[in-house]
Amino acid sequence: MERILVVGVTGAGKSTLARALSTRLGLPYHEMDALYFDGPDWSVNDGLTDDVTALVAEPRWVVDSLGYPEVRDLLWERADTVVWLDYPRRVVMPRVLRRSLKRTVTREALFGGNRETWRGWLSREHPAWWAWSQHGPRHREIAHRVADPRFTPLETHHLGRPQDTETWLASL
């Protein structure tokens, strides 16, 4: 486990687990959203593909994402391990709602200095809406990838409950 993708739906705990793996295994941690959003108004990094190409050329890393479509294959082709947090909606939705509410109330600065806003809650791009609407499609996309012959050589850890993840992490 030297090049790890932590994948799952919004709110599953990908970033939290990726940071824990980084600390436990001594791997550099890369937050995909911080690479993707590079400025105000949620502007997208025009150099994302170059940045991710450089990142995956490194011998050791952990990334907290399935990967945005333009870099998804780069990540999956270079990874040696996939940790799939495959939690049900009843687990992820309270997490997303708590996190977004906290970020909105505290005006926490996020990627590129952006912040979640009350108005943002009305957008289909808001994490709560996104987590709800993308739960099924994201599950199917990840299931398809882990079954894809290109990626079956990857060491895959399919974790269906937070307790499973805690047990697995403690075993490392």
N, C-alpha and C. Protein backbone atom coordinates (compact mmCIF):
# COMPACT_ATOMS: atom_id res chain seq x y z
N MET A 1 0.84 -1.18 0.00
CA MET A 1 0.00 0.00 0.00
C MET A 1 0.88 1.24 0.00
N GLU A 2 1.16 1.70 -1.21
CA GLU A 2 2.00 2.90 -1.33
C GLU A 2 1.34 3.99 -2.14
N ARG A 3 0.35 3.62 -2.96
CA ARG A 3 -0.39 4.60 -3.78
C ARG A 3 -1.87 4.26 -3.62
N ILE A 4 -2.51 4.98 -2.72
CA ILE A 4 -3.85 4.61 -2.26
C ILE A 4 -4.89 5.64 -2.70
N LEU A 5 -5.98 5.14 -3.26
CA LEU A 5 -7.18 5.94 -3.51
C LEU A 5 -8.21 5.58 -2.46
N VAL A 6 -8.74 6.59 -1.78
CA VAL A 6 -9.85 6.39 -0.86
C VAL A 6 -11.08 6.93 -1.58
N VAL A 7 -12.02 6.04 -1.91
CA VAL A 7 -13.16 6.40 -2.75
C VAL A 7 -14.46 6.17 -2.00
N GLY A 8 -15.51 6.83 -2.47
CA GLY A 8 -16.83 6.69 -1.89
C GLY A 8 -17.65 7.92 -2.22
N VAL A 9 -18.86 7.96 -1.69
CA VAL A 9 -19.75 9.09 -1.93
C VAL A 9 -19.36 10.27 -1.04
N THR A 10 -19.88 11.43 -1.39
CA THR A 10 -19.71 12.61 -0.55
C THR A 10 -20.22 12.30 0.85
N GLY A 11 -19.41 12.61 1.85
CA GLY A 11 -19.80 12.41 3.24
C GLY A 11 -19.43 11.08 3.84
N ALA A 12 -18.81 10.21 3.05
CA ALA A 12 -18.44 8.89 3.58
C ALA A 12 -17.26 8.96 4.54
N GLY A 13 -16.46 10.01 4.45
CA GLY A 13 -15.29 10.12 5.32
C GLY A 13 -13.99 9.87 4.59
N LYS A 14 -13.99 10.11 3.28
CA LYS A 14 -12.79 9.86 2.47
C LYS A 14 -11.59 10.67 2.96
N SER A 15 -11.79 11.97 3.16
CA SER A 15 -10.68 12.83 3.57
C SER A 15 -10.18 12.46 4.95
N THR A 16 -11.11 12.17 5.85
CA THR A 16 -10.72 11.78 7.21
C THR A 16 -9.88 10.51 7.18
N LEU A 17 -10.33 9.50 6.44
CA LEU A 17 -9.58 8.26 6.36
C LEU A 17 -8.26 8.46 5.63
N ALA A 18 -8.26 9.23 4.56
CA ALA A 18 -7.02 9.47 3.81
C ALA A 18 -5.97 10.14 4.70
N ARG A 19 -6.40 11.11 5.50
CA ARG A 19 -5.45 11.76 6.43
C ARG A 19 -4.93 10.75 7.45
N ALA A 20 -5.82 9.89 7.96
CA ALA A 20 -5.39 8.87 8.93
C ALA A 20 -4.40 7.89 8.30
N LEU A 21 -4.67 7.47 7.08
CA LEU A 21 -3.74 6.58 6.38
C LEU A 21 -2.40 7.27 6.13
N SER A 22 -2.45 8.53 5.76
CA SER A 22 -1.23 9.29 5.54
C SER A 22 -0.35 9.29 6.79
N THR A 23 -0.98 9.56 7.92
CA THR A 23 -0.24 9.60 9.18
C THR A 23 0.27 8.21 9.57
N ARG A 24 -0.60 7.23 9.49
CA ARG A 24 -0.24 5.88 9.93
C ARG A 24 0.83 5.25 9.05
N LEU A 25 0.75 5.48 7.73
CA LEU A 25 1.67 4.82 6.79
C LEU A 25 2.80 5.73 6.31
N GLY A 26 2.80 6.98 6.74
CA GLY A 26 3.85 7.91 6.32
C GLY A 26 3.78 8.27 4.84
N LEU A 27 2.56 8.37 4.31
CA LEU A 27 2.37 8.69 2.90
C LEU A 27 1.96 10.15 2.74
N PRO A 28 2.41 10.82 1.69
CA PRO A 28 1.92 12.17 1.42
C PRO A 28 0.43 12.12 1.08
N TYR A 29 -0.34 13.02 1.69
CA TYR A 29 -1.78 13.09 1.47
C TYR A 29 -2.11 14.24 0.52
N HIS A 30 -2.99 13.97 -0.44
CA HIS A 30 -3.42 14.98 -1.41
C HIS A 30 -4.95 15.03 -1.41
N GLU A 31 -5.48 16.21 -1.16
CA GLU A 31 -6.92 16.41 -1.16
C GLU A 31 -7.36 16.82 -2.56
N MET A 32 -8.13 15.97 -3.20
CA MET A 32 -8.50 16.20 -4.60
C MET A 32 -9.25 17.51 -4.80
N ASP A 33 -10.17 17.84 -3.91
CA ASP A 33 -10.92 19.09 -4.08
C ASP A 33 -9.99 20.31 -4.01
N ALA A 34 -8.96 20.24 -3.20
CA ALA A 34 -8.00 21.35 -3.12
C ALA A 34 -7.20 21.46 -4.42
N LEU A 35 -6.97 20.35 -5.09
CA LEU A 35 -6.31 20.39 -6.39
C LEU A 35 -7.25 20.90 -7.48
N TYR A 36 -8.53 20.56 -7.37
CA TYR A 36 -9.51 20.87 -8.40
C TYR A 36 -9.96 22.33 -8.36
N PHE A 37 -10.31 22.83 -7.17
CA PHE A 37 -10.77 24.21 -7.02
C PHE A 37 -9.60 25.08 -6.62
N ASP A 38 -9.26 26.06 -7.47
CA ASP A 38 -8.04 26.82 -7.20
C ASP A 38 -8.25 28.31 -6.96
N GLY A 39 -9.48 28.75 -6.85
CA GLY A 39 -9.67 30.17 -6.62
C GLY A 39 -11.10 30.51 -6.26
N PRO A 40 -11.38 31.80 -6.17
CA PRO A 40 -12.71 32.24 -5.77
C PRO A 40 -13.78 31.81 -6.75
N ASP A 41 -15.02 31.80 -6.27
CA ASP A 41 -16.18 31.41 -7.06
C ASP A 41 -16.05 29.98 -7.59
N TRP A 42 -15.38 29.14 -6.82
CA TRP A 42 -15.24 27.72 -7.15
C TRP A 42 -14.61 27.52 -8.53
N SER A 43 -13.66 28.39 -8.87
CA SER A 43 -13.00 28.25 -10.17
C SER A 43 -12.19 26.96 -10.19
N VAL A 44 -12.13 26.38 -11.38
CA VAL A 44 -11.48 25.09 -11.57
C VAL A 44 -10.05 25.30 -12.06
N ASN A 45 -9.16 24.49 -11.54
CA ASN A 45 -7.75 24.51 -11.88
C ASN A 45 -7.54 24.06 -13.32
N ASP A 46 -7.12 24.97 -14.19
CA ASP A 46 -6.86 24.62 -15.58
C ASP A 46 -5.69 23.65 -15.73
N GLY A 47 -4.83 23.60 -14.72
CA GLY A 47 -3.67 22.71 -14.78
C GLY A 47 -3.87 21.42 -14.01
N LEU A 48 -5.13 21.04 -13.77
CA LEU A 48 -5.40 19.85 -12.97
C LEU A 48 -4.73 18.60 -13.52
N THR A 49 -4.86 18.38 -14.82
CA THR A 49 -4.27 17.16 -15.40
C THR A 49 -2.76 17.14 -15.20
N ASP A 50 -2.10 18.26 -15.40
CA ASP A 50 -0.65 18.32 -15.18
C ASP A 50 -0.31 18.09 -13.71
N ASP A 51 -1.10 18.70 -12.81
CA ASP A 51 -0.84 18.53 -11.38
C ASP A 51 -1.01 17.08 -10.95
N VAL A 52 -2.06 16.44 -11.43
CA VAL A 52 -2.31 15.04 -11.05
C VAL A 52 -1.29 14.11 -11.72
N THR A 53 -0.89 14.42 -12.93
CA THR A 53 0.15 13.63 -13.60
C THR A 53 1.44 13.66 -12.77
N ALA A 54 1.80 14.82 -12.27
CA ALA A 54 3.00 14.94 -11.43
C ALA A 54 2.81 14.19 -10.11
N LEU A 55 1.64 14.31 -9.53
CA LEU A 55 1.36 13.64 -8.26
C LEU A 55 1.48 12.13 -8.39
N VAL A 56 0.85 11.55 -9.43
CA VAL A 56 0.86 10.08 -9.56
C VAL A 56 2.21 9.54 -10.01
N ALA A 57 3.08 10.41 -10.49
CA ALA A 57 4.43 9.97 -10.84
C ALA A 57 5.28 9.72 -9.59
N GLU A 58 4.84 10.26 -8.47
CA GLU A 58 5.55 10.04 -7.21
C GLU A 58 5.37 8.59 -6.76
N PRO A 59 6.32 8.05 -6.02
CA PRO A 59 6.23 6.64 -5.64
C PRO A 59 5.22 6.34 -4.54
N ARG A 60 4.86 7.36 -3.74
CA ARG A 60 3.99 7.10 -2.59
C ARG A 60 3.01 8.25 -2.43
N TRP A 61 1.74 7.93 -2.22
CA TRP A 61 0.72 8.96 -2.00
C TRP A 61 -0.59 8.33 -1.57
N VAL A 62 -1.46 9.17 -1.01
CA VAL A 62 -2.84 8.80 -0.74
C VAL A 62 -3.71 9.98 -1.20
N VAL A 63 -4.76 9.66 -1.95
CA VAL A 63 -5.68 10.66 -2.50
C VAL A 63 -7.09 10.30 -2.06
N ASP A 64 -7.85 11.33 -1.70
CA ASP A 64 -9.19 11.13 -1.15
C ASP A 64 -10.29 11.29 -2.20
N SER A 65 -10.21 10.55 -3.28
CA SER A 65 -11.21 10.75 -4.33
C SER A 65 -11.20 9.63 -5.35
N LEU A 66 -12.37 9.40 -5.91
CA LEU A 66 -12.51 8.59 -7.11
C LEU A 66 -11.75 9.26 -8.26
N GLY A 67 -11.68 10.59 -8.19
CA GLY A 67 -11.02 11.39 -9.22
C GLY A 67 -12.04 12.07 -10.11
N TYR A 68 -11.80 13.32 -10.41
CA TYR A 68 -12.65 14.02 -11.37
C TYR A 68 -12.48 13.35 -12.72
N PRO A 69 -13.50 13.40 -13.58
CA PRO A 69 -13.46 12.62 -14.83
C PRO A 69 -12.19 12.82 -15.66
N GLU A 70 -11.67 14.03 -15.72
CA GLU A 70 -10.51 14.28 -16.56
C GLU A 70 -9.22 13.64 -16.03
N VAL A 71 -9.21 13.23 -14.75
CA VAL A 71 -8.00 12.62 -14.19
C VAL A 71 -8.26 11.25 -13.57
N ARG A 72 -9.48 10.79 -13.67
CA ARG A 72 -9.87 9.54 -13.02
C ARG A 72 -8.97 8.37 -13.44
N ASP A 73 -8.79 8.17 -14.73
CA ASP A 73 -7.97 7.05 -15.18
C ASP A 73 -6.51 7.20 -14.77
N LEU A 74 -6.00 8.42 -14.78
CA LEU A 74 -4.61 8.64 -14.32
C LEU A 74 -4.43 8.10 -12.91
N LEU A 75 -5.36 8.42 -12.03
CA LEU A 75 -5.28 7.98 -10.65
C LEU A 75 -5.40 6.47 -10.54
N TRP A 76 -6.40 5.91 -11.18
CA TRP A 76 -6.66 4.47 -11.06
C TRP A 76 -5.56 3.64 -11.71
N GLU A 77 -4.98 4.11 -12.79
CA GLU A 77 -3.93 3.34 -13.45
C GLU A 77 -2.63 3.32 -12.65
N ARG A 78 -2.43 4.31 -11.80
CA ARG A 78 -1.19 4.39 -11.04
C ARG A 78 -1.34 3.88 -9.60
N ALA A 79 -2.57 3.84 -9.09
CA ALA A 79 -2.79 3.37 -7.71
C ALA A 79 -2.43 1.90 -7.58
N ASP A 80 -2.10 1.49 -6.37
CA ASP A 80 -1.93 0.06 -6.09
C ASP A 80 -3.01 -0.45 -5.13
N THR A 81 -3.73 0.49 -4.50
CA THR A 81 -4.74 0.13 -3.51
C THR A 81 -5.95 1.05 -3.64
N VAL A 82 -7.13 0.49 -3.50
CA VAL A 82 -8.37 1.26 -3.44
C VAL A 82 -9.08 0.89 -2.14
N VAL A 83 -9.42 1.90 -1.38
CA VAL A 83 -10.22 1.71 -0.18
C VAL A 83 -11.58 2.33 -0.47
N TRP A 84 -12.60 1.49 -0.56
CA TRP A 84 -13.94 1.92 -0.95
C TRP A 84 -14.83 2.01 0.29
N LEU A 85 -15.17 3.24 0.65
CA LEU A 85 -16.12 3.47 1.74
C LEU A 85 -17.52 3.45 1.14
N ASP A 86 -18.16 2.32 1.23
CA ASP A 86 -19.44 2.08 0.57
C ASP A 86 -20.57 2.11 1.61
N TYR A 87 -20.82 3.31 2.13
CA TYR A 87 -21.79 3.45 3.21
C TYR A 87 -23.17 3.82 2.66
N PRO A 88 -24.22 3.38 3.35
CA PRO A 88 -25.57 3.72 2.92
C PRO A 88 -25.90 5.20 3.16
N ARG A 89 -26.95 5.65 2.49
CA ARG A 89 -27.39 7.04 2.65
C ARG A 89 -27.65 7.40 4.11
N ARG A 90 -28.20 6.47 4.87
CA ARG A 90 -28.53 6.77 6.26
C ARG A 90 -27.29 7.10 7.09
N VAL A 91 -26.12 6.70 6.61
CA VAL A 91 -24.87 7.04 7.28
C VAL A 91 -24.31 8.35 6.75
N VAL A 92 -24.28 8.51 5.43
CA VAL A 92 -23.61 9.68 4.86
C VAL A 92 -24.42 10.96 4.95
N MET A 93 -25.73 10.88 4.83
CA MET A 93 -26.51 12.12 4.81
C MET A 93 -26.42 12.91 6.10
N PRO A 94 -26.54 12.30 7.29
CA PRO A 94 -26.36 13.11 8.50
C PRO A 94 -24.96 13.74 8.59
N ARG A 95 -23.96 13.02 8.10
CA ARG A 95 -22.60 13.56 8.11
C ARG A 95 -22.49 14.79 7.21
N VAL A 96 -23.02 14.67 6.01
CA VAL A 96 -22.96 15.78 5.06
C VAL A 96 -23.73 16.99 5.61
N LEU A 97 -24.90 16.74 6.14
CA LEU A 97 -25.71 17.85 6.67
C LEU A 97 -25.02 18.54 7.83
N ARG A 98 -24.46 17.78 8.77
CA ARG A 98 -23.73 18.38 9.90
C ARG A 98 -22.53 19.17 9.41
N ARG A 99 -21.76 18.58 8.51
CA ARG A 99 -20.56 19.25 8.01
C ARG A 99 -20.91 20.54 7.29
N SER A 100 -21.91 20.49 6.40
CA SER A 100 -22.28 21.68 5.65
C SER A 100 -22.88 22.75 6.55
N LEU A 101 -23.67 22.36 7.51
CA LEU A 101 -24.24 23.33 8.44
C LEU A 101 -23.13 24.04 9.22
N LYS A 102 -22.18 23.25 9.72
CA LYS A 102 -21.05 23.84 10.45
C LYS A 102 -20.26 24.79 9.56
N ARG A 103 -19.95 24.36 8.35
CA ARG A 103 -19.18 25.21 7.43
C ARG A 103 -19.93 26.49 7.09
N THR A 104 -21.24 26.40 6.94
CA THR A 104 -22.04 27.58 6.60
C THR A 104 -22.08 28.54 7.78
N VAL A 105 -22.33 28.04 8.97
CA VAL A 105 -22.43 28.89 10.15
C VAL A 105 -21.09 29.54 10.49
N THR A 106 -20.02 28.76 10.43
CA THR A 106 -18.70 29.29 10.83
C THR A 106 -17.98 30.03 9.71
N ARG A 107 -18.54 29.96 8.48
CA ARG A 107 -17.92 30.60 7.31
C ARG A 107 -16.51 30.05 7.08
N GLU A 108 -16.34 28.76 7.34
CA GLU A 108 -15.05 28.09 7.18
C GLU A 108 -14.55 28.23 5.74
N ALA A 109 -13.30 28.65 5.61
CA ALA A 109 -12.69 28.75 4.28
C ALA A 109 -12.36 27.34 3.78
N LEU A 110 -12.76 27.10 2.53
CA LEU A 110 -12.51 25.82 1.90
C LEU A 110 -11.53 26.00 0.75
N PHE A 111 -11.57 25.12 -0.19
CA PHE A 111 -10.66 25.09 -1.32
C PHE A 111 -10.70 26.41 -2.08
N GLY A 112 -9.53 26.96 -2.36
CA GLY A 112 -9.44 28.22 -3.09
C GLY A 112 -10.03 29.40 -2.35
N GLY A 113 -10.22 29.27 -1.03
CA GLY A 113 -10.79 30.34 -0.25
C GLY A 113 -12.31 30.42 -0.32
N ASN A 114 -12.94 29.46 -0.95
CA ASN A 114 -14.40 29.46 -1.08
C ASN A 114 -15.06 29.07 0.24
N ARG A 115 -16.34 29.40 0.35
CA ARG A 115 -17.11 29.09 1.55
C ARG A 115 -18.49 28.58 1.15
N GLU A 116 -19.03 27.71 1.99
CA GLU A 116 -20.42 27.32 1.81
C GLU A 116 -21.29 28.45 2.32
N THR A 117 -22.39 28.72 1.61
CA THR A 117 -23.30 29.82 1.97
C THR A 117 -24.72 29.30 2.12
N TRP A 118 -25.55 30.10 2.77
CA TRP A 118 -26.96 29.73 2.90
C TRP A 118 -27.60 29.63 1.52
N ARG A 119 -27.28 30.55 0.64
CA ARG A 119 -27.83 30.50 -0.71
C ARG A 119 -27.40 29.23 -1.44
N GLY A 120 -26.17 28.80 -1.16
CA GLY A 120 -25.66 27.59 -1.80
C GLY A 120 -26.47 26.35 -1.50
N TRP A 121 -27.19 26.34 -0.36
CA TRP A 121 -28.01 25.19 -0.01
C TRP A 121 -29.12 24.95 -1.03
N LEU A 122 -29.46 25.96 -1.82
CA LEU A 122 -30.52 25.83 -2.82
C LEU A 122 -30.01 25.28 -4.14
N SER A 123 -28.71 25.17 -4.28
CA SER A 123 -28.10 24.72 -5.53
C SER A 123 -28.02 23.20 -5.58
N ARG A 124 -28.20 22.66 -6.76
CA ARG A 124 -28.02 21.21 -6.96
C ARG A 124 -26.56 20.79 -6.80
N GLU A 125 -25.66 21.76 -6.78
CA GLU A 125 -24.24 21.46 -6.59
C GLU A 125 -23.85 21.43 -5.11
N HIS A 126 -24.78 21.81 -4.23
CA HIS A 126 -24.48 21.80 -2.80
C HIS A 126 -24.17 20.38 -2.35
N PRO A 127 -23.22 20.20 -1.42
CA PRO A 127 -22.86 18.85 -0.99
C PRO A 127 -24.05 17.98 -0.54
N ALA A 128 -25.03 18.57 0.11
CA ALA A 128 -26.18 17.76 0.57
C ALA A 128 -26.98 17.24 -0.62
N TRP A 129 -27.27 18.10 -1.57
CA TRP A 129 -27.98 17.66 -2.77
C TRP A 129 -27.14 16.68 -3.57
N TRP A 130 -25.87 17.00 -3.68
CA TRP A 130 -24.95 16.15 -4.45
C TRP A 130 -24.87 14.76 -3.83
N ALA A 131 -24.71 14.69 -2.51
CA ALA A 131 -24.60 13.40 -1.83
C ALA A 131 -25.85 12.56 -2.05
N TRP A 132 -27.01 13.21 -1.99
CA TRP A 132 -28.26 12.47 -2.18
C TRP A 132 -28.40 11.97 -3.61
N SER A 133 -28.19 12.88 -4.57
CA SER A 133 -28.45 12.53 -5.97
C SER A 133 -27.38 11.62 -6.57
N GLN A 134 -26.17 11.70 -6.06
CA GLN A 134 -25.07 10.93 -6.64
C GLN A 134 -24.76 9.63 -5.90
N HIS A 135 -25.52 9.34 -4.86
CA HIS A 135 -25.23 8.14 -4.07
C HIS A 135 -25.27 6.88 -4.94
N GLY A 136 -26.36 6.67 -5.65
CA GLY A 136 -26.48 5.48 -6.51
C GLY A 136 -25.51 5.49 -7.67
N PRO A 137 -25.46 6.59 -8.44
CA PRO A 137 -24.51 6.62 -9.56
C PRO A 137 -23.05 6.44 -9.13
N ARG A 138 -22.68 7.04 -8.02
CA ARG A 138 -21.29 6.90 -7.56
C ARG A 138 -21.01 5.47 -7.15
N HIS A 139 -21.95 4.83 -6.47
CA HIS A 139 -21.79 3.42 -6.10
C HIS A 139 -21.59 2.57 -7.35
N ARG A 140 -22.42 2.78 -8.35
CA ARG A 140 -22.32 1.99 -9.59
C ARG A 140 -20.99 2.24 -10.30
N GLU A 141 -20.54 3.50 -10.34
CA GLU A 141 -19.27 3.83 -10.99
C GLU A 141 -18.10 3.12 -10.31
N ILE A 142 -18.08 3.15 -9.00
CA ILE A 142 -16.98 2.51 -8.27
C ILE A 142 -17.06 0.99 -8.44
N ALA A 143 -18.26 0.43 -8.33
CA ALA A 143 -18.42 -1.02 -8.52
C ALA A 143 -17.93 -1.44 -9.91
N HIS A 144 -18.27 -0.64 -10.91
CA HIS A 144 -17.82 -0.92 -12.28
C HIS A 144 -16.30 -0.88 -12.36
N ARG A 145 -15.70 0.10 -11.74
CA ARG A 145 -14.24 0.23 -11.80
C ARG A 145 -13.53 -0.91 -11.09
N VAL A 146 -13.99 -1.28 -9.90
CA VAL A 146 -13.28 -2.36 -9.19
C VAL A 146 -13.44 -3.70 -9.90
N ALA A 147 -14.49 -3.83 -10.73
CA ALA A 147 -14.67 -5.06 -11.52
C ALA A 147 -14.00 -4.98 -12.89
N ASP A 148 -13.57 -3.82 -13.30
CA ASP A 148 -12.94 -3.62 -14.60
C ASP A 148 -11.60 -4.37 -14.64
N PRO A 149 -11.36 -5.19 -15.65
CA PRO A 149 -10.11 -5.95 -15.72
C PRO A 149 -8.85 -5.08 -15.63
N ARG A 150 -8.94 -3.82 -16.05
CA ARG A 150 -7.77 -2.94 -15.92
C ARG A 150 -7.41 -2.70 -14.47
N PHE A 151 -8.42 -2.76 -13.58
CA PHE A 151 -8.19 -2.38 -12.19
C PHE A 151 -8.32 -3.53 -11.21
N THR A 152 -8.63 -4.74 -11.68
CA THR A 152 -8.74 -5.86 -10.76
C THR A 152 -7.41 -6.21 -10.07
N PRO A 153 -6.25 -5.87 -10.67
CA PRO A 153 -5.02 -6.13 -9.92
C PRO A 153 -4.85 -5.24 -8.67
N LEU A 154 -5.63 -4.17 -8.57
CA LEU A 154 -5.52 -3.30 -7.40
C LEU A 154 -5.97 -4.05 -6.14
N GLU A 155 -5.26 -3.82 -5.05
CA GLU A 155 -5.70 -4.34 -3.76
C GLU A 155 -6.91 -3.50 -3.36
N THR A 156 -8.06 -4.13 -3.23
CA THR A 156 -9.29 -3.40 -2.96
C THR A 156 -9.85 -3.80 -1.60
N HIS A 157 -10.17 -2.77 -0.81
CA HIS A 157 -10.80 -2.96 0.50
C HIS A 157 -12.18 -2.32 0.41
N HIS A 158 -13.21 -3.15 0.39
CA HIS A 158 -14.60 -2.70 0.25
C HIS A 158 -15.21 -2.69 1.65
N LEU A 159 -15.43 -1.50 2.19
CA LEU A 159 -15.88 -1.36 3.57
C LEU A 159 -17.29 -0.78 3.60
N GLY A 160 -18.23 -1.52 4.16
CA GLY A 160 -19.63 -1.14 4.09
C GLY A 160 -20.19 -0.44 5.31
N ARG A 161 -19.41 -0.38 6.39
CA ARG A 161 -19.87 0.28 7.61
C ARG A 161 -18.70 1.01 8.25
N PRO A 162 -18.96 2.12 8.93
CA PRO A 162 -17.87 2.82 9.62
C PRO A 162 -17.11 1.90 10.59
N GLN A 163 -17.81 0.97 11.22
CA GLN A 163 -17.15 0.05 12.14
C GLN A 163 -16.14 -0.84 11.41
N ASP A 164 -16.48 -1.25 10.19
CA ASP A 164 -15.56 -2.04 9.37
C ASP A 164 -14.30 -1.24 9.07
N THR A 165 -14.49 0.04 8.79
CA THR A 165 -13.36 0.91 8.47
C THR A 165 -12.46 1.08 9.70
N GLU A 166 -13.07 1.29 10.85
CA GLU A 166 -12.28 1.44 12.10
C GLU A 166 -11.48 0.18 12.38
N THR A 167 -12.09 -0.97 12.21
CA THR A 167 -11.41 -2.25 12.43
C THR A 167 -10.26 -2.43 11.46
N TRP A 168 -10.53 -2.14 10.18
CA TRP A 168 -9.49 -2.28 9.16
C TRP A 168 -8.32 -1.35 9.44
N LEU A 169 -8.61 -0.08 9.74
CA LEU A 169 -7.56 0.89 10.02
C LEU A 169 -6.73 0.46 11.23
N ALA A 170 -7.39 -0.01 12.27
CA ALA A 170 -6.68 -0.46 13.47
C ALA A 170 -5.78 -1.65 13.19
N SER A 171 -6.10 -2.44 12.16
CA SER A 171 -5.30 -3.62 11.84
C SER A 171 -4.01 -3.29 11.09
N LEU A 172 -3.88 -2.08 10.62
CA LEU A 172 -2.69 -1.70 9.83
C LEU A 172 -1.48 -1.50 10.73
